Amino acid sequence: MVATIDPDTLATVQLPERRVTFCHISWTQYEKILDALGESRSSRLTYDRGLLEITMPLEEHERASELIALFIRILVIQLGMKLKTMGSTTLSYPNLERSAEPDKGFYIQNYPLVADRKVDLTIDPPPDLVVEVDITHTDINKLALYASMGIPEFWRYNGRVLRIYQLQGKEYQETETSPTFPQLQKEWLYSFLETARVDEVEAEVFWRDRLGSLLR
């Protein structure tokens, strides 16, 4: 087992997330662990060909994740688009020996394909957009992980900066423009998050109106 967080440090420092990493875990062992933990848990599991990372998100992590999801919902509404929210649903690909539970996943472009039924990743496309809040160190290469799953767009937020990645071929390329929301400016999200830290309701009300004006 490789612990990515020093337990002694946790006693004195408030971190946004706690992570522990296990090596040499087979896919069968991973599935047994996943089944034993069940769905009623706050921890999130990421598996990448023998490497299992368990993340326990704390308040700063969870709040950032929820607020980014809210901002995406506001964008979708203002742009007249449709949305299916997957939350942190397990994205499991046994053939790749890779699995992830992102902070948020969304079907937007492919919404019509999965709108009225449970997603089956053996026949359905992956989510169009995945969001991860990674504020502390992670031992798993998230870019390679999500690229292998064919996720078209990946947002990664480190508590200060949002990075947007677009899948081109088999690899991600960082871009300043979102393929899903080409009108989006990162500064809008930063401003929204700053306002929401003080008053979430005020931030939502203001940015629903503000984005309505900016996107006309």
N, C-alpha and C. Protein backbone atom coordinates (compact mmCIF):
# COMPACT_ATOMS: atom_id res chain seq x y z
N MET A 1 0.84 -1.19 0.00
CA MET A 1 0.00 0.00 0.00
C MET A 1 0.88 1.25 0.00
N VAL A 2 0.53 2.22 -0.81
CA VAL A 2 1.24 3.48 -0.85
C VAL A 2 0.29 4.58 -0.42
N ALA A 3 0.54 5.19 0.72
CA ALA A 3 -0.32 6.26 1.20
C ALA A 3 0.15 7.58 0.64
N THR A 4 -0.71 8.30 0.01
CA THR A 4 -0.33 9.58 -0.59
C THR A 4 -0.46 10.73 0.38
N ILE A 5 -1.10 10.50 1.54
CA ILE A 5 -1.27 11.53 2.55
C ILE A 5 -0.67 11.05 3.86
N ASP A 6 0.12 11.85 4.50
CA ASP A 6 0.71 11.52 5.78
C ASP A 6 -0.34 11.65 6.88
N PRO A 7 -0.69 10.56 7.59
CA PRO A 7 -1.73 10.63 8.62
C PRO A 7 -1.43 11.63 9.72
N ASP A 8 -0.13 11.80 10.05
CA ASP A 8 0.21 12.77 11.10
C ASP A 8 -0.12 14.19 10.67
N THR A 9 0.04 14.44 9.37
CA THR A 9 -0.29 15.77 8.86
C THR A 9 -1.79 16.02 8.91
N LEU A 10 -2.58 14.98 8.66
CA LEU A 10 -4.03 15.12 8.67
C LEU A 10 -4.56 15.57 10.02
N ALA A 11 -3.84 15.27 11.05
CA ALA A 11 -4.31 15.61 12.39
C ALA A 11 -4.26 17.10 12.64
N THR A 12 -3.41 17.80 11.90
CA THR A 12 -3.24 19.22 12.17
C THR A 12 -3.62 20.13 11.01
N VAL A 13 -3.76 19.55 9.82
CA VAL A 13 -4.05 20.37 8.64
C VAL A 13 -5.37 19.94 8.01
N GLN A 14 -6.23 20.89 7.70
CA GLN A 14 -7.49 20.59 7.03
C GLN A 14 -7.27 20.53 5.53
N LEU A 15 -7.33 19.34 4.97
CA LEU A 15 -7.15 19.17 3.53
C LEU A 15 -8.51 18.99 2.86
N PRO A 16 -8.60 19.37 1.59
CA PRO A 16 -9.88 19.25 0.88
C PRO A 16 -10.25 17.81 0.54
N GLU A 17 -9.28 16.91 0.56
CA GLU A 17 -9.56 15.52 0.24
C GLU A 17 -8.45 14.66 0.81
N ARG A 18 -8.78 13.42 1.10
CA ARG A 18 -7.79 12.46 1.58
C ARG A 18 -7.73 11.32 0.58
N ARG A 19 -6.53 10.89 0.27
CA ARG A 19 -6.35 9.84 -0.73
C ARG A 19 -5.44 8.76 -0.19
N VAL A 20 -5.75 7.53 -0.54
CA VAL A 20 -4.86 6.41 -0.25
C VAL A 20 -4.80 5.54 -1.49
N THR A 21 -3.61 5.06 -1.80
CA THR A 21 -3.40 4.31 -3.03
C THR A 21 -2.89 2.91 -2.72
N PHE A 22 -3.47 1.90 -3.40
CA PHE A 22 -3.06 0.51 -3.26
C PHE A 22 -2.51 0.03 -4.60
N CYS A 23 -1.40 -0.68 -4.55
CA CYS A 23 -0.78 -1.20 -5.77
C CYS A 23 -1.05 -2.70 -5.92
N HIS A 24 -0.91 -3.18 -7.15
CA HIS A 24 -1.00 -4.61 -7.47
C HIS A 24 -2.36 -5.19 -7.08
N ILE A 25 -3.41 -4.46 -7.37
CA ILE A 25 -4.78 -4.91 -7.14
C ILE A 25 -5.33 -5.42 -8.47
N SER A 26 -5.78 -6.65 -8.51
CA SER A 26 -6.33 -7.19 -9.75
C SER A 26 -7.73 -6.63 -10.00
N TRP A 27 -8.20 -6.78 -11.23
CA TRP A 27 -9.55 -6.31 -11.55
C TRP A 27 -10.59 -7.05 -10.71
N THR A 28 -10.39 -8.33 -10.51
CA THR A 28 -11.32 -9.11 -9.69
C THR A 28 -11.32 -8.61 -8.25
N GLN A 29 -10.15 -8.31 -7.71
CA GLN A 29 -10.08 -7.77 -6.35
C GLN A 29 -10.76 -6.41 -6.27
N TYR A 30 -10.53 -5.60 -7.29
CA TYR A 30 -11.18 -4.28 -7.33
C TYR A 30 -12.70 -4.42 -7.30
N GLU A 31 -13.23 -5.31 -8.10
CA GLU A 31 -14.68 -5.50 -8.15
C GLU A 31 -15.22 -5.97 -6.79
N LYS A 32 -14.47 -6.82 -6.11
CA LYS A 32 -14.88 -7.30 -4.79
C LYS A 32 -14.88 -6.15 -3.77
N ILE A 33 -13.87 -5.30 -3.85
CA ILE A 33 -13.79 -4.14 -2.96
C ILE A 33 -14.96 -3.19 -3.23
N LEU A 34 -15.23 -2.95 -4.51
CA LEU A 34 -16.33 -2.08 -4.90
C LEU A 34 -17.66 -2.61 -4.39
N ASP A 35 -17.85 -3.91 -4.53
CA ASP A 35 -19.09 -4.55 -4.08
C ASP A 35 -19.21 -4.50 -2.56
N ALA A 36 -18.10 -4.72 -1.86
CA ALA A 36 -18.12 -4.73 -0.39
C ALA A 36 -18.42 -3.35 0.17
N LEU A 37 -17.91 -2.31 -0.48
CA LEU A 37 -18.13 -0.95 0.00
C LEU A 37 -19.56 -0.49 -0.27
N GLY A 38 -20.17 -1.01 -1.32
CA GLY A 38 -21.54 -0.63 -1.65
C GLY A 38 -21.64 0.77 -2.22
N GLU A 39 -22.87 1.21 -2.45
CA GLU A 39 -23.10 2.51 -3.07
C GLU A 39 -23.30 3.63 -2.04
N SER A 40 -23.66 3.27 -0.83
CA SER A 40 -23.91 4.29 0.21
C SER A 40 -22.61 4.64 0.91
N ARG A 41 -21.77 5.38 0.22
CA ARG A 41 -20.48 5.76 0.77
C ARG A 41 -20.08 7.12 0.22
N SER A 42 -19.22 7.79 0.95
CA SER A 42 -18.74 9.10 0.50
C SER A 42 -17.43 8.98 -0.27
N SER A 43 -16.72 7.87 -0.11
CA SER A 43 -15.45 7.68 -0.80
C SER A 43 -15.67 7.40 -2.28
N ARG A 44 -14.66 7.71 -3.10
CA ARG A 44 -14.72 7.46 -4.53
C ARG A 44 -13.51 6.64 -4.94
N LEU A 45 -13.76 5.67 -5.80
CA LEU A 45 -12.70 4.75 -6.21
C LEU A 45 -12.31 4.98 -7.66
N THR A 46 -11.01 4.96 -7.89
CA THR A 46 -10.48 5.04 -9.25
C THR A 46 -9.51 3.88 -9.42
N TYR A 47 -9.69 3.14 -10.50
CA TYR A 47 -8.85 1.96 -10.74
C TYR A 47 -8.19 2.07 -12.11
N ASP A 48 -6.89 1.84 -12.14
CA ASP A 48 -6.15 1.94 -13.39
C ASP A 48 -5.12 0.82 -13.46
N ARG A 49 -5.53 -0.32 -14.03
CA ARG A 49 -4.63 -1.44 -14.34
C ARG A 49 -3.72 -1.80 -13.17
N GLY A 50 -4.33 -2.11 -12.05
CA GLY A 50 -3.57 -2.57 -10.89
C GLY A 50 -3.42 -1.54 -9.80
N LEU A 51 -3.67 -0.29 -10.12
CA LEU A 51 -3.54 0.79 -9.14
C LEU A 51 -4.94 1.23 -8.71
N LEU A 52 -5.21 1.15 -7.42
CA LEU A 52 -6.51 1.54 -6.87
C LEU A 52 -6.32 2.73 -5.95
N GLU A 53 -7.02 3.81 -6.26
CA GLU A 53 -6.97 5.02 -5.44
C GLU A 53 -8.35 5.26 -4.83
N ILE A 54 -8.38 5.44 -3.52
CA ILE A 54 -9.62 5.75 -2.81
C ILE A 54 -9.51 7.18 -2.31
N THR A 55 -10.48 7.99 -2.69
CA THR A 55 -10.50 9.40 -2.31
C THR A 55 -11.67 9.66 -1.37
N MET A 56 -11.38 10.35 -0.28
CA MET A 56 -12.42 10.77 0.66
C MET A 56 -12.55 12.29 0.56
N PRO A 57 -13.46 12.80 -0.28
CA PRO A 57 -13.59 14.25 -0.45
C PRO A 57 -14.10 14.91 0.83
N LEU A 58 -13.52 16.05 1.16
CA LEU A 58 -13.99 16.83 2.29
C LEU A 58 -14.72 18.07 1.77
N GLU A 59 -15.04 18.99 2.68
CA GLU A 59 -15.97 20.07 2.33
C GLU A 59 -15.54 20.91 1.14
N GLU A 60 -14.29 21.36 1.11
CA GLU A 60 -13.85 22.24 0.02
C GLU A 60 -13.97 21.55 -1.33
N HIS A 61 -13.59 20.28 -1.35
CA HIS A 61 -13.68 19.49 -2.58
C HIS A 61 -15.13 19.36 -3.04
N GLU A 62 -15.99 18.92 -2.13
CA GLU A 62 -17.39 18.68 -2.48
C GLU A 62 -18.11 19.96 -2.89
N ARG A 63 -17.80 21.05 -2.19
CA ARG A 63 -18.48 22.30 -2.51
C ARG A 63 -18.07 22.79 -3.90
N ALA A 64 -16.78 22.71 -4.21
CA ALA A 64 -16.32 23.13 -5.53
C ALA A 64 -16.98 22.29 -6.62
N SER A 65 -17.07 21.01 -6.38
CA SER A 65 -17.69 20.10 -7.35
C SER A 65 -19.16 20.45 -7.59
N GLU A 66 -19.90 20.67 -6.51
CA GLU A 66 -21.32 21.00 -6.63
C GLU A 66 -21.52 22.34 -7.33
N LEU A 67 -20.69 23.31 -7.02
CA LEU A 67 -20.85 24.64 -7.62
C LEU A 67 -20.51 24.64 -9.10
N ILE A 68 -19.48 23.89 -9.48
CA ILE A 68 -19.15 23.79 -10.91
C ILE A 68 -20.30 23.11 -11.65
N ALA A 69 -20.88 22.09 -11.04
CA ALA A 69 -22.03 21.42 -11.66
C ALA A 69 -23.21 22.38 -11.81
N LEU A 70 -23.43 23.22 -10.81
CA LEU A 70 -24.51 24.20 -10.89
C LEU A 70 -24.25 25.19 -12.02
N PHE A 71 -23.01 25.62 -12.15
CA PHE A 71 -22.67 26.56 -13.22
C PHE A 71 -22.91 25.94 -14.59
N ILE A 72 -22.55 24.66 -14.74
CA ILE A 72 -22.79 23.96 -16.00
C ILE A 72 -24.28 23.88 -16.28
N ARG A 73 -25.07 23.60 -15.27
CA ARG A 73 -26.52 23.55 -15.45
C ARG A 73 -27.07 24.90 -15.91
N ILE A 74 -26.57 25.97 -15.32
CA ILE A 74 -27.01 27.31 -15.72
C ILE A 74 -26.66 27.55 -17.19
N LEU A 75 -25.44 27.18 -17.59
CA LEU A 75 -25.03 27.32 -18.98
C LEU A 75 -25.96 26.56 -19.92
N VAL A 76 -26.24 25.32 -19.56
CA VAL A 76 -27.10 24.47 -20.39
C VAL A 76 -28.48 25.10 -20.56
N ILE A 77 -29.03 25.60 -19.46
CA ILE A 77 -30.37 26.22 -19.52
C ILE A 77 -30.35 27.46 -20.40
N GLN A 78 -29.36 28.31 -20.21
CA GLN A 78 -29.30 29.56 -20.95
C GLN A 78 -29.03 29.34 -22.44
N LEU A 79 -28.39 28.22 -22.76
CA LEU A 79 -28.09 27.92 -24.16
C LEU A 79 -29.18 27.07 -24.81
N GLY A 80 -30.22 26.72 -24.04
CA GLY A 80 -31.32 25.94 -24.59
C GLY A 80 -30.94 24.51 -24.91
N MET A 81 -29.97 23.97 -24.16
CA MET A 81 -29.51 22.61 -24.40
C MET A 81 -30.23 21.64 -23.44
N LYS A 82 -29.95 20.36 -23.58
CA LYS A 82 -30.49 19.33 -22.70
C LYS A 82 -29.34 18.71 -21.90
N LEU A 83 -29.71 18.08 -20.77
CA LEU A 83 -28.67 17.58 -19.86
C LEU A 83 -29.14 16.34 -19.12
N LYS A 84 -28.27 15.34 -19.05
CA LYS A 84 -28.48 14.21 -18.14
C LYS A 84 -27.28 14.16 -17.21
N THR A 85 -27.55 14.31 -15.91
CA THR A 85 -26.49 14.33 -14.93
C THR A 85 -26.19 12.93 -14.43
N MET A 86 -24.92 12.54 -14.47
CA MET A 86 -24.51 11.22 -14.01
C MET A 86 -23.90 11.26 -12.61
N GLY A 87 -23.64 12.47 -12.10
CA GLY A 87 -23.04 12.58 -10.78
C GLY A 87 -21.70 11.87 -10.75
N SER A 88 -21.46 11.07 -9.70
CA SER A 88 -20.21 10.31 -9.60
C SER A 88 -20.44 8.84 -9.91
N THR A 89 -21.37 8.57 -10.81
CA THR A 89 -21.64 7.19 -11.24
C THR A 89 -20.34 6.50 -11.69
N THR A 90 -20.19 5.23 -11.31
CA THR A 90 -19.00 4.47 -11.68
C THR A 90 -18.96 4.24 -13.19
N LEU A 91 -17.87 4.67 -13.81
CA LEU A 91 -17.64 4.44 -15.23
C LEU A 91 -16.67 3.27 -15.32
N SER A 92 -17.21 2.10 -15.60
CA SER A 92 -16.43 0.87 -15.51
C SER A 92 -16.20 0.27 -16.89
N TYR A 93 -14.91 0.00 -17.20
CA TYR A 93 -14.53 -0.59 -18.48
C TYR A 93 -13.63 -1.80 -18.23
N PRO A 94 -14.24 -2.96 -17.97
CA PRO A 94 -13.44 -4.17 -17.68
C PRO A 94 -12.44 -4.52 -18.77
N ASN A 95 -12.81 -4.26 -20.03
CA ASN A 95 -11.90 -4.60 -21.12
C ASN A 95 -10.63 -3.77 -21.09
N LEU A 96 -10.70 -2.60 -20.46
CA LEU A 96 -9.53 -1.73 -20.31
C LEU A 96 -8.85 -1.90 -18.95
N GLU A 97 -9.53 -2.62 -18.06
CA GLU A 97 -9.11 -2.70 -16.66
C GLU A 97 -8.93 -1.30 -16.08
N ARG A 98 -9.95 -0.48 -16.35
CA ARG A 98 -9.97 0.89 -15.85
C ARG A 98 -11.38 1.25 -15.42
N SER A 99 -11.47 2.01 -14.35
CA SER A 99 -12.76 2.40 -13.82
C SER A 99 -12.59 3.69 -13.04
N ALA A 100 -13.60 4.53 -13.05
CA ALA A 100 -13.50 5.81 -12.35
C ALA A 100 -14.86 6.25 -11.83
N GLU A 101 -14.83 7.04 -10.78
CA GLU A 101 -16.01 7.69 -10.24
C GLU A 101 -15.72 9.18 -10.20
N PRO A 102 -15.88 9.87 -11.33
CA PRO A 102 -15.55 11.30 -11.38
C PRO A 102 -16.47 12.09 -10.47
N ASP A 103 -16.06 13.29 -10.14
CA ASP A 103 -16.92 14.14 -9.31
C ASP A 103 -18.25 14.38 -10.00
N LYS A 104 -18.20 14.67 -11.29
CA LYS A 104 -19.43 14.90 -12.05
C LYS A 104 -19.25 14.39 -13.48
N GLY A 105 -20.33 13.85 -14.02
CA GLY A 105 -20.34 13.44 -15.41
C GLY A 105 -21.65 13.89 -16.04
N PHE A 106 -21.61 14.27 -17.31
CA PHE A 106 -22.80 14.81 -17.97
C PHE A 106 -22.93 14.28 -19.40
N TYR A 107 -24.16 13.97 -19.78
CA TYR A 107 -24.49 13.75 -21.19
C TYR A 107 -25.16 15.03 -21.67
N ILE A 108 -24.63 15.60 -22.73
CA ILE A 108 -25.18 16.83 -23.30
C ILE A 108 -25.40 16.62 -24.80
N GLN A 109 -24.32 16.47 -25.56
CA GLN A 109 -24.47 16.22 -27.00
C GLN A 109 -25.18 14.88 -27.25
N ASN A 110 -24.85 13.88 -26.45
CA ASN A 110 -25.45 12.55 -26.62
C ASN A 110 -26.66 12.33 -25.73
N TYR A 111 -27.21 13.40 -25.22
CA TYR A 111 -28.40 13.31 -24.36
C TYR A 111 -29.52 12.47 -24.98
N PRO A 112 -29.85 12.67 -26.26
CA PRO A 112 -30.98 11.90 -26.83
C PRO A 112 -30.79 10.39 -26.79
N LEU A 113 -29.54 9.93 -26.74
CA LEU A 113 -29.27 8.49 -26.76
C LEU A 113 -29.54 7.82 -25.42
N VAL A 114 -29.51 8.61 -24.33
CA VAL A 114 -29.61 8.01 -22.99
C VAL A 114 -30.65 8.70 -22.11
N ALA A 115 -31.42 9.58 -22.68
CA ALA A 115 -32.29 10.45 -21.88
C ALA A 115 -33.28 9.70 -21.01
N ASP A 116 -33.87 8.64 -21.55
CA ASP A 116 -35.01 8.01 -20.87
C ASP A 116 -34.71 6.62 -20.34
N ARG A 117 -33.43 6.30 -20.14
CA ARG A 117 -33.11 4.96 -19.65
C ARG A 117 -31.76 4.95 -18.93
N LYS A 118 -31.51 3.84 -18.25
CA LYS A 118 -30.25 3.67 -17.55
C LYS A 118 -29.12 3.47 -18.55
N VAL A 119 -28.01 4.13 -18.30
CA VAL A 119 -26.86 4.05 -19.21
C VAL A 119 -26.20 2.68 -19.10
N ASP A 120 -25.86 2.12 -20.26
CA ASP A 120 -25.13 0.86 -20.34
C ASP A 120 -23.87 1.13 -21.15
N LEU A 121 -22.73 1.20 -20.46
CA LEU A 121 -21.49 1.60 -21.11
C LEU A 121 -20.96 0.55 -22.09
N THR A 122 -21.55 -0.63 -22.12
CA THR A 122 -21.13 -1.63 -23.11
C THR A 122 -21.70 -1.30 -24.49
N ILE A 123 -22.76 -0.50 -24.52
CA ILE A 123 -23.36 -0.13 -25.82
C ILE A 123 -23.52 1.37 -25.99
N ASP A 124 -23.53 2.12 -24.88
CA ASP A 124 -23.73 3.57 -24.95
C ASP A 124 -22.39 4.30 -24.96
N PRO A 125 -22.38 5.50 -25.53
CA PRO A 125 -21.15 6.30 -25.49
C PRO A 125 -20.87 6.75 -24.06
N PRO A 126 -19.63 7.12 -23.77
CA PRO A 126 -19.30 7.65 -22.44
C PRO A 126 -19.92 9.03 -22.27
N PRO A 127 -19.94 9.55 -21.05
CA PRO A 127 -20.43 10.93 -20.85
C PRO A 127 -19.67 11.91 -21.74
N ASP A 128 -20.35 12.96 -22.16
CA ASP A 128 -19.72 13.96 -23.03
C ASP A 128 -18.73 14.83 -22.27
N LEU A 129 -18.99 15.03 -20.98
CA LEU A 129 -18.16 15.92 -20.18
C LEU A 129 -17.99 15.33 -18.79
N VAL A 130 -16.75 15.27 -18.32
CA VAL A 130 -16.44 14.80 -16.98
C VAL A 130 -15.69 15.91 -16.24
N VAL A 131 -16.04 16.10 -14.97
CA VAL A 131 -15.41 17.12 -14.14
C VAL A 131 -14.74 16.45 -12.95
N GLU A 132 -13.48 16.81 -12.69
CA GLU A 132 -12.75 16.32 -11.53
C GLU A 132 -12.20 17.51 -10.75
N VAL A 133 -12.36 17.46 -9.44
CA VAL A 133 -11.71 18.41 -8.56
C VAL A 133 -10.53 17.68 -7.94
N ASP A 134 -9.32 18.04 -8.33
CA ASP A 134 -8.11 17.41 -7.80
C ASP A 134 -7.27 18.49 -7.14
N ILE A 135 -7.44 18.63 -5.83
CA ILE A 135 -6.73 19.69 -5.11
C ILE A 135 -5.45 19.15 -4.48
N THR A 136 -5.45 17.90 -4.05
CA THR A 136 -4.23 17.29 -3.55
C THR A 136 -3.68 16.34 -4.60
N HIS A 137 -2.51 15.79 -4.34
CA HIS A 137 -1.82 14.93 -5.30
C HIS A 137 -2.60 13.65 -5.58
N THR A 138 -2.63 13.25 -6.83
CA THR A 138 -3.21 11.96 -7.21
C THR A 138 -2.16 11.13 -7.94
N ASP A 139 -2.10 9.83 -7.64
CA ASP A 139 -1.11 8.95 -8.25
C ASP A 139 -1.55 8.41 -9.60
N ILE A 140 -2.79 8.66 -9.97
CA ILE A 140 -3.32 8.13 -11.23
C ILE A 140 -3.30 9.21 -12.31
N ASN A 141 -2.85 8.84 -13.48
CA ASN A 141 -2.82 9.76 -14.61
C ASN A 141 -4.25 9.90 -15.15
N LYS A 142 -4.94 10.93 -14.68
CA LYS A 142 -6.34 11.10 -15.05
C LYS A 142 -6.51 11.38 -16.54
N LEU A 143 -5.55 12.06 -17.15
CA LEU A 143 -5.67 12.36 -18.58
C LEU A 143 -5.65 11.06 -19.39
N ALA A 144 -4.71 10.18 -19.07
CA ALA A 144 -4.65 8.90 -19.79
C ALA A 144 -5.86 8.04 -19.47
N LEU A 145 -6.32 8.09 -18.23
CA LEU A 145 -7.46 7.28 -17.80
C LEU A 145 -8.72 7.64 -18.59
N TYR A 146 -9.09 8.93 -18.57
CA TYR A 146 -10.32 9.34 -19.23
C TYR A 146 -10.20 9.31 -20.75
N ALA A 147 -8.99 9.54 -21.26
CA ALA A 147 -8.79 9.44 -22.71
C ALA A 147 -9.05 8.01 -23.18
N SER A 148 -8.59 7.03 -22.40
CA SER A 148 -8.80 5.63 -22.80
C SER A 148 -10.27 5.27 -22.82
N MET A 149 -11.07 5.96 -22.01
CA MET A 149 -12.52 5.71 -21.97
C MET A 149 -13.26 6.44 -23.08
N GLY A 150 -12.56 7.33 -23.77
CA GLY A 150 -13.18 8.06 -24.87
C GLY A 150 -14.03 9.23 -24.42
N ILE A 151 -13.76 9.78 -23.24
CA ILE A 151 -14.49 10.96 -22.76
C ILE A 151 -14.10 12.15 -23.63
N PRO A 152 -15.03 12.76 -24.37
CA PRO A 152 -14.66 13.83 -25.30
C PRO A 152 -14.08 15.08 -24.63
N GLU A 153 -14.57 15.41 -23.43
CA GLU A 153 -14.14 16.65 -22.78
C GLU A 153 -13.96 16.41 -21.28
N PHE A 154 -12.86 16.92 -20.75
CA PHE A 154 -12.48 16.70 -19.36
C PHE A 154 -12.11 18.04 -18.73
N TRP A 155 -12.84 18.41 -17.67
CA TRP A 155 -12.52 19.62 -16.90
C TRP A 155 -11.82 19.21 -15.62
N ARG A 156 -10.72 19.88 -15.31
CA ARG A 156 -9.97 19.58 -14.09
C ARG A 156 -9.73 20.88 -13.33
N TYR A 157 -10.21 20.91 -12.09
CA TYR A 157 -10.12 22.12 -11.26
C TYR A 157 -9.28 21.81 -10.03
N ASN A 158 -8.25 22.63 -9.78
CA ASN A 158 -7.34 22.37 -8.66
C ASN A 158 -7.58 23.28 -7.46
N GLY A 159 -8.74 23.92 -7.43
CA GLY A 159 -9.04 24.85 -6.34
C GLY A 159 -8.76 26.29 -6.70
N ARG A 160 -8.03 26.50 -7.79
CA ARG A 160 -7.70 27.86 -8.25
C ARG A 160 -7.90 28.02 -9.75
N VAL A 161 -7.47 27.01 -10.51
CA VAL A 161 -7.44 27.11 -11.97
C VAL A 161 -8.24 25.96 -12.59
N LEU A 162 -9.04 26.30 -13.58
CA LEU A 162 -9.76 25.30 -14.37
C LEU A 162 -8.97 25.02 -15.64
N ARG A 163 -8.71 23.75 -15.89
CA ARG A 163 -8.07 23.35 -17.13
C ARG A 163 -9.07 22.52 -17.94
N ILE A 164 -9.18 22.84 -19.22
CA ILE A 164 -10.12 22.16 -20.10
C ILE A 164 -9.34 21.33 -21.10
N TYR A 165 -9.71 20.06 -21.23
CA TYR A 165 -9.02 19.17 -22.15
C TYR A 165 -10.02 18.60 -23.16
N GLN A 166 -9.61 18.60 -24.40
CA GLN A 166 -10.43 18.05 -25.49
C GLN A 166 -9.73 16.82 -26.05
N LEU A 167 -10.49 15.75 -26.22
CA LEU A 167 -9.92 14.52 -26.77
C LEU A 167 -9.70 14.68 -28.27
N GLN A 168 -8.46 14.50 -28.67
CA GLN A 168 -8.10 14.56 -30.09
C GLN A 168 -7.35 13.28 -30.42
N GLY A 169 -8.01 12.40 -31.15
CA GLY A 169 -7.44 11.08 -31.37
C GLY A 169 -7.53 10.27 -30.09
N LYS A 170 -6.38 9.84 -29.59
CA LYS A 170 -6.35 9.04 -28.36
C LYS A 170 -5.78 9.81 -27.17
N GLU A 171 -5.54 11.10 -27.36
CA GLU A 171 -4.94 11.89 -26.29
C GLU A 171 -5.69 13.21 -26.11
N TYR A 172 -5.54 13.78 -24.93
CA TYR A 172 -6.14 15.09 -24.65
C TYR A 172 -5.18 16.21 -25.03
N GLN A 173 -5.78 17.27 -25.52
CA GLN A 173 -5.06 18.51 -25.74
C GLN A 173 -5.73 19.59 -24.91
N GLU A 174 -4.92 20.33 -24.17
CA GLU A 174 -5.50 21.40 -23.36
C GLU A 174 -5.95 22.54 -24.27
N THR A 175 -7.10 23.09 -23.96
CA THR A 175 -7.65 24.18 -24.76
C THR A 175 -8.25 25.24 -23.85
N GLU A 176 -8.23 26.46 -24.30
CA GLU A 176 -8.84 27.53 -23.51
C GLU A 176 -10.34 27.62 -23.74
N THR A 177 -10.81 26.94 -24.78
CA THR A 177 -12.22 26.99 -25.13
C THR A 177 -12.87 25.62 -24.94
N SER A 178 -14.04 25.61 -24.33
CA SER A 178 -14.77 24.36 -24.14
C SER A 178 -15.44 23.94 -25.45
N PRO A 179 -15.22 22.70 -25.91
CA PRO A 179 -15.91 22.22 -27.11
C PRO A 179 -17.43 22.21 -26.92
N THR A 180 -17.89 21.94 -25.71
CA THR A 180 -19.32 21.90 -25.44
C THR A 180 -19.92 23.28 -25.32
N PHE A 181 -19.17 24.19 -24.70
CA PHE A 181 -19.64 25.57 -24.49
C PHE A 181 -18.60 26.55 -25.05
N PRO A 182 -18.52 26.69 -26.37
CA PRO A 182 -17.48 27.54 -26.96
C PRO A 182 -17.57 29.01 -26.54
N GLN A 183 -18.76 29.44 -26.08
CA GLN A 183 -18.91 30.82 -25.65
C GLN A 183 -18.32 31.07 -24.26
N LEU A 184 -18.08 30.01 -23.51
CA LEU A 184 -17.66 30.12 -22.12
C LEU A 184 -16.30 30.78 -21.98
N GLN A 185 -16.20 31.71 -21.04
CA GLN A 185 -14.93 32.27 -20.63
C GLN A 185 -14.67 31.82 -19.20
N LYS A 186 -13.47 31.33 -18.94
CA LYS A 186 -13.14 30.80 -17.62
C LYS A 186 -13.38 31.82 -16.51
N GLU A 187 -13.18 33.08 -16.85
CA GLU A 187 -13.35 34.14 -15.84
C GLU A 187 -14.79 34.17 -15.31
N TRP A 188 -15.75 33.76 -16.14
CA TRP A 188 -17.14 33.72 -15.66
C TRP A 188 -17.27 32.70 -14.53
N LEU A 189 -16.67 31.54 -14.72
CA LEU A 189 -16.74 30.50 -13.68
C LEU A 189 -16.02 30.97 -12.42
N TYR A 190 -14.84 31.57 -12.58
CA TYR A 190 -14.11 32.04 -11.41
C TYR A 190 -14.92 33.07 -10.62
N SER A 191 -15.56 33.98 -11.34
CA SER A 191 -16.38 35.00 -10.69
C SER A 191 -17.56 34.37 -9.98
N PHE A 192 -18.18 33.39 -10.62
CA PHE A 192 -19.31 32.69 -10.02
C PHE A 192 -18.88 32.00 -8.72
N LEU A 193 -17.75 31.30 -8.76
CA LEU A 193 -17.26 30.58 -7.58
C LEU A 193 -16.92 31.55 -6.45
N GLU A 194 -16.35 32.68 -6.80
CA GLU A 194 -16.00 33.68 -5.78
C GLU A 194 -17.25 34.22 -5.10
N THR A 195 -18.27 34.54 -5.88
CA THR A 195 -19.52 35.02 -5.31
C THR A 195 -20.19 33.95 -4.47
N ALA A 196 -20.16 32.70 -4.97
CA ALA A 196 -20.84 31.60 -4.29
C ALA A 196 -20.19 31.25 -2.96
N ARG A 197 -18.92 31.57 -2.80
CA ARG A 197 -18.27 31.30 -1.52
C ARG A 197 -18.91 32.10 -0.39
N VAL A 198 -19.49 33.24 -0.75
CA VAL A 198 -20.15 34.10 0.24
C VAL A 198 -21.64 33.83 0.28
N ASP A 199 -22.26 33.68 -0.91
CA ASP A 199 -23.71 33.50 -0.98
C ASP A 199 -24.04 32.72 -2.25
N GLU A 200 -24.36 31.44 -2.09
CA GLU A 200 -24.63 30.59 -3.24
C GLU A 200 -25.90 31.01 -3.99
N VAL A 201 -26.92 31.40 -3.24
CA VAL A 201 -28.18 31.79 -3.87
C VAL A 201 -27.99 33.05 -4.70
N GLU A 202 -27.28 34.03 -4.11
CA GLU A 202 -27.03 35.27 -4.85
C GLU A 202 -26.23 34.98 -6.12
N ALA A 203 -25.25 34.09 -6.02
CA ALA A 203 -24.43 33.76 -7.19
C ALA A 203 -25.28 33.13 -8.29
N GLU A 204 -26.16 32.22 -7.91
CA GLU A 204 -27.00 31.56 -8.91
C GLU A 204 -27.95 32.55 -9.57
N VAL A 205 -28.61 33.37 -8.77
CA VAL A 205 -29.57 34.34 -9.31
C VAL A 205 -28.87 35.31 -10.24
N PHE A 206 -27.72 35.85 -9.79
CA PHE A 206 -26.99 36.83 -10.59
C PHE A 206 -26.51 36.23 -11.91
N TRP A 207 -25.91 35.03 -11.84
CA TRP A 207 -25.31 34.47 -13.04
C TRP A 207 -26.33 33.88 -14.00
N ARG A 208 -27.50 33.52 -13.53
CA ARG A 208 -28.55 33.13 -14.47
C ARG A 208 -28.91 34.32 -15.35
N ASP A 209 -29.03 35.48 -14.73
CA ASP A 209 -29.36 36.70 -15.48
C ASP A 209 -28.17 37.16 -16.30
N ARG A 210 -26.96 37.13 -15.71
CA ARG A 210 -25.77 37.60 -16.38
C ARG A 210 -25.45 36.77 -17.62
N LEU A 211 -25.52 35.45 -17.48
CA LEU A 211 -25.23 34.59 -18.63
C LEU A 211 -26.29 34.74 -19.71
N GLY A 212 -27.51 35.01 -19.28
CA GLY A 212 -28.57 35.25 -20.26
C GLY A 212 -28.22 36.42 -21.15
N SER A 213 -27.60 37.46 -20.57
CA SER A 213 -27.20 38.65 -21.34
C SER A 213 -25.94 38.37 -22.18
N LEU A 214 -24.96 37.70 -21.57
CA LEU A 214 -23.69 37.45 -22.26
C LEU A 214 -23.83 36.50 -23.44
N LEU A 215 -24.79 35.59 -23.37
CA LEU A 215 -24.91 34.55 -24.39
C LEU A 215 -25.91 34.90 -25.48
N ARG A 216 -26.53 36.06 -25.40
CA ARG A 216 -27.49 36.45 -26.44
C ARG A 216 -26.78 36.75 -27.75
